[in-house]
C-alpha atoms as a PDB file:
ATOM      1  CA  MET A   1       3.144   0.835 -32.565  1.00  0.00           C
ATOM      2  CA  ALA A   2       5.856   2.689 -34.959  1.00  0.00           C
ATOM      3  CA  ASN A   3       5.423   6.074 -35.996  1.00  0.00           C
ATOM      4  CA  ASN A   4       5.850   7.187 -39.721  1.00  0.00           C
ATOM      5  CA  ASN A   5       9.749   7.167 -40.053  1.00  0.00           C
ATOM      6  CA  GLU A   6       9.739   3.751 -38.081  1.00  0.00           C
ATOM      7  CA  LYS A   7      10.833   4.810 -34.674  1.00  0.00           C
ATOM      8  CA  MET A   8       9.287   3.258 -31.637  1.00  0.00           C
ATOM      9  CA  SER A   9       7.203   5.684 -29.209  1.00  0.00           C
ATOM     10  CA  ARG A  10       8.663   5.611 -25.820  1.00  0.00           C
ATOM     11  CA  GLU A  11       5.598   4.231 -24.357  1.00  0.00           C
ATOM     12  CA  GLU A  12       6.390   1.009 -26.913  1.00  0.00           C
ATOM     13  CA  ALA A  13      10.170   1.062 -26.249  1.00  0.00           C
ATOM     14  CA  GLY A  14       9.347   0.884 -22.437  1.00  0.00           C
ATOM     15  CA  ARG A  15       6.698  -1.433 -22.768  1.00  0.00           C
ATOM     16  CA  LYS A  16       9.009  -3.664 -24.523  1.00  0.00           C
ATOM     17  CA  GLY A  17      11.935  -3.190 -22.135  1.00  0.00           C
ATOM     18  CA  GLY A  18       9.800  -3.954 -19.435  1.00  0.00           C
ATOM     19  CA  GLU A  19       8.762  -7.482 -21.046  1.00  0.00           C
ATOM     20  CA  THR A  20      12.191  -8.085 -21.740  1.00  0.00           C
ATOM     21  CA  THR A  21      13.434  -7.458 -17.961  1.00  0.00           C
ATOM     22  CA  ALA A  22      10.714  -9.645 -17.030  1.00  0.00           C
ATOM     23  CA  LYS A  23      11.841 -12.415 -19.031  1.00  0.00           C
ATOM     24  CA  ASN A  24      15.372 -12.478 -17.854  1.00  0.00           C
ATOM     25  CA  HIS A  25      14.700 -11.752 -14.047  1.00  0.00           C
ATOM     26  CA  ASP A  26      12.822 -13.645 -11.249  1.00  0.00           C
ATOM     27  CA  LYS A  27      10.646 -12.245  -8.029  1.00  0.00           C
ATOM     28  CA  GLU A  28      14.101 -12.142  -6.075  1.00  0.00           C
ATOM     29  CA  PHE A  29      15.338  -9.532  -8.523  1.00  0.00           C
ATOM     30  CA  TYR A  30      12.421  -7.708  -7.931  1.00  0.00           C
ATOM     31  CA  GLN A  31      12.503  -7.953  -4.433  1.00  0.00           C
ATOM     32  CA  GLU A  32      16.087  -6.791  -4.071  1.00  0.00           C
ATOM     33  CA  ILE A  33      15.986  -3.853  -6.360  1.00  0.00           C
ATOM     34  CA  GLY A  34      12.869  -2.605  -4.584  1.00  0.00           C
ATOM     35  CA  GLN A  35      14.323  -2.807  -1.390  1.00  0.00           C
ATOM     36  CA  LYS A  36      17.430  -1.032  -2.449  1.00  0.00           C
ATOM     37  CA  GLY A  37      15.145   1.909  -3.698  1.00  0.00           C
ATOM     38  CA  GLY A  38      13.062   1.934  -0.535  1.00  0.00           C
ATOM     39  CA  GLU A  39      16.624   2.514   1.634  1.00  0.00           C
ATOM     40  CA  ALA A  40      17.694   5.124  -0.613  1.00  0.00           C
ATOM     41  CA  THR A  41      14.451   7.054  -0.665  1.00  0.00           C
ATOM     42  CA  SER A  42      14.528   6.702   3.170  1.00  0.00           C
ATOM     43  CA  GLU A  43      17.787   8.089   3.172  1.00  0.00           C
ATOM     44  CA  ASN A  44      16.897  11.184   1.260  1.00  0.00           C
ATOM     45  CA  HIS A  45      13.549  12.002   2.951  1.00  0.00           C
ATOM     46  CA  ASP A  46      12.225  12.770   6.067  1.00  0.00           C
ATOM     47  CA  LYS A  47       9.058  12.043   8.204  1.00  0.00           C
ATOM     48  CA  GLU A  48       6.930  14.859   6.285  1.00  0.00           C
ATOM     49  CA  PHE A  49       7.650  13.193   3.152  1.00  0.00           C
ATOM     50  CA  TYR A  50       6.068   9.947   4.075  1.00  0.00           C
ATOM     51  CA  GLN A  51       3.141  11.476   5.943  1.00  0.00           C
ATOM     52  CA  GLU A  52       2.215  13.352   2.953  1.00  0.00           C
ATOM     53  CA  ILE A  53       2.442  10.432   0.479  1.00  0.00           C
ATOM     54  CA  GLY A  54       0.590   8.367   3.277  1.00  0.00           C
ATOM     55  CA  LYS A  55      -1.920  10.910   3.212  1.00  0.00           C
ATOM     56  CA  LYS A  56      -2.223  11.293  -0.588  1.00  0.00           C
ATOM     57  CA  GLY A  57      -2.895   7.491  -0.927  1.00  0.00           C
ATOM     58  CA  GLY A  58      -5.364   7.603   1.563  1.00  0.00           C
ATOM     59  CA  GLU A  59      -7.384   9.812  -0.419  1.00  0.00           C
ATOM     60  CA  ALA A  60      -7.139   8.177  -4.016  1.00  0.00           C
ATOM     61  CA  THR A  61      -7.892   4.835  -1.810  1.00  0.00           C
ATOM     62  CA  SER A  62     -11.035   6.632  -0.203  1.00  0.00           C
ATOM     63  CA  GLU A  63     -11.922   7.867  -3.997  1.00  0.00           C
ATOM     64  CA  SER A  64     -11.401   4.442  -5.728  1.00  0.00           C
ATOM     65  CA  HIS A  65     -13.139   2.226  -3.154  1.00  0.00           C
ATOM     66  CA  GLY A  66     -16.497   2.189  -1.410  1.00  0.00           C
ATOM     67  CA  LYS A  67     -18.074   1.490   2.124  1.00  0.00           C
ATOM     68  CA  GLU A  68     -17.966  -2.436   1.096  1.00  0.00           C
ATOM     69  CA  PHE A  69     -14.107  -2.036   0.848  1.00  0.00           C
ATOM     70  CA  TYR A  70     -13.626  -0.496   4.406  1.00  0.00           C
ATOM     71  CA  GLN A  71     -16.288  -2.928   5.830  1.00  0.00           C
ATOM     72  CA  GLU A  72     -14.379  -5.781   4.533  1.00  0.00           C
ATOM     73  CA  ILE A  73     -10.540  -4.909   5.713  1.00  0.00           C
ATOM     74  CA  GLY A  74     -12.393  -3.534   9.195  1.00  0.00           C
ATOM     75  CA  GLU A  75     -13.624  -7.446   9.634  1.00  0.00           C
ATOM     76  CA  LYS A  76     -10.558  -8.951   8.785  1.00  0.00           C
ATOM     77  CA  GLY A  77      -8.485  -6.386  11.090  1.00  0.00           C
ATOM     78  CA  GLY A  78     -11.126  -7.210  13.843  1.00  0.00           C
ATOM     79  CA  GLU A  79     -10.669 -11.125  13.092  1.00  0.00           C
ATOM     80  CA  ALA A  80      -7.096 -10.875  13.251  1.00  0.00           C
ATOM     81  CA  ARG A  81      -7.227  -8.992  16.837  1.00  0.00           C
ATOM     82  CA  GLY A  82      -9.653 -11.509  18.000  1.00  0.00           C
ATOM     83  CA  ASN A  83      -7.036 -13.777  17.015  1.00  0.00           C
ATOM     84  CA  GLN A  84      -4.405 -12.219  19.610  1.00  0.00           C
ATOM     85  CA  ARG A  85      -4.332 -13.210  23.293  1.00  0.00           C
ATOM     86  CA  ASP A  86      -6.814 -10.616  25.132  1.00  0.00           C
ATOM     87  CA  ASP A  87      -4.698  -9.451  27.726  1.00  0.00           C
ATOM     88  CA  SER A  88      -5.708  -6.091  29.484  1.00  0.00           C
ATOM     89  CA  ASP A  89      -2.378  -5.954  31.521  1.00  0.00           C
ATOM     90  CA  ASP A  90      -0.205  -5.479  28.387  1.00  0.00           C
ATOM     91  CA  GLY A  91      -1.235  -1.814  27.462  1.00  0.00           C
ATOM     92  CA  LYS A  92      -3.496  -2.781  24.370  1.00  0.00           C
ATOM     93  CA  MET A  93      -6.913  -1.797  23.983  1.00  0.00           C
ATOM     94  CA  SER A  94      -9.828  -4.157  24.563  1.00  0.00           C
ATOM     95  CA  ARG A  95     -11.863  -5.056  21.451  1.00  0.00           C
ATOM     96  CA  GLU A  96     -14.841  -3.753  23.296  1.00  0.00           C
ATOM     97  CA  GLU A  97     -13.279  -0.582  23.925  1.00  0.00           C
ATOM     98  CA  ALA A  98     -11.802  -0.444  20.274  1.00  0.00           C
ATOM     99  CA  GLY A  99     -15.640  -1.283  18.879  1.00  0.00           C
ATOM    100  CA  ARG A 100     -16.960   1.637  20.992  1.00  0.00           C
ATOM    101  CA  LYS A 101     -14.067   4.139  19.946  1.00  0.00           C
ATOM    102  CA  GLY A 102     -14.822   2.804  16.329  1.00  0.00           C
ATOM    103  CA  GLY A 103     -18.380   3.147  16.536  1.00  0.00           C
ATOM    104  CA  GLU A 104     -18.425   6.687  17.991  1.00  0.00           C
ATOM    105  CA  LYS A 105     -15.652   7.756  15.281  1.00  0.00           C
ATOM    106  CA  SER A 106     -18.332   6.525  12.331  1.00  0.00           C
ATOM    107  CA  ARG A 107     -21.093   8.401  14.110  1.00  0.00           C
ATOM    108  CA  ARG A 108     -19.460  11.682  13.540  1.00  0.00           C
END
């Protein structure tokens, strides 16, 4: 919405610019600029940066999602793991061991 002197707010100008850009570009455009941005970020930041943003993201997710969310993603992960070949010689944890460890951690 324009203010009294007929100028757009930054918010409105940004929204309109975003809408125009979206009309002029396809999914591949956004994937390409996203990849370039990710590469530039990785060149400018170290491991600790990613650990910190991962921690913040995890905390935000924890605050905004309930127990059901974690049950659902855990079930999906378990199903995906169950669909993999169960080979105890490959150095990976067995499903039984993973379930036991997960249960122990949940109890704490």
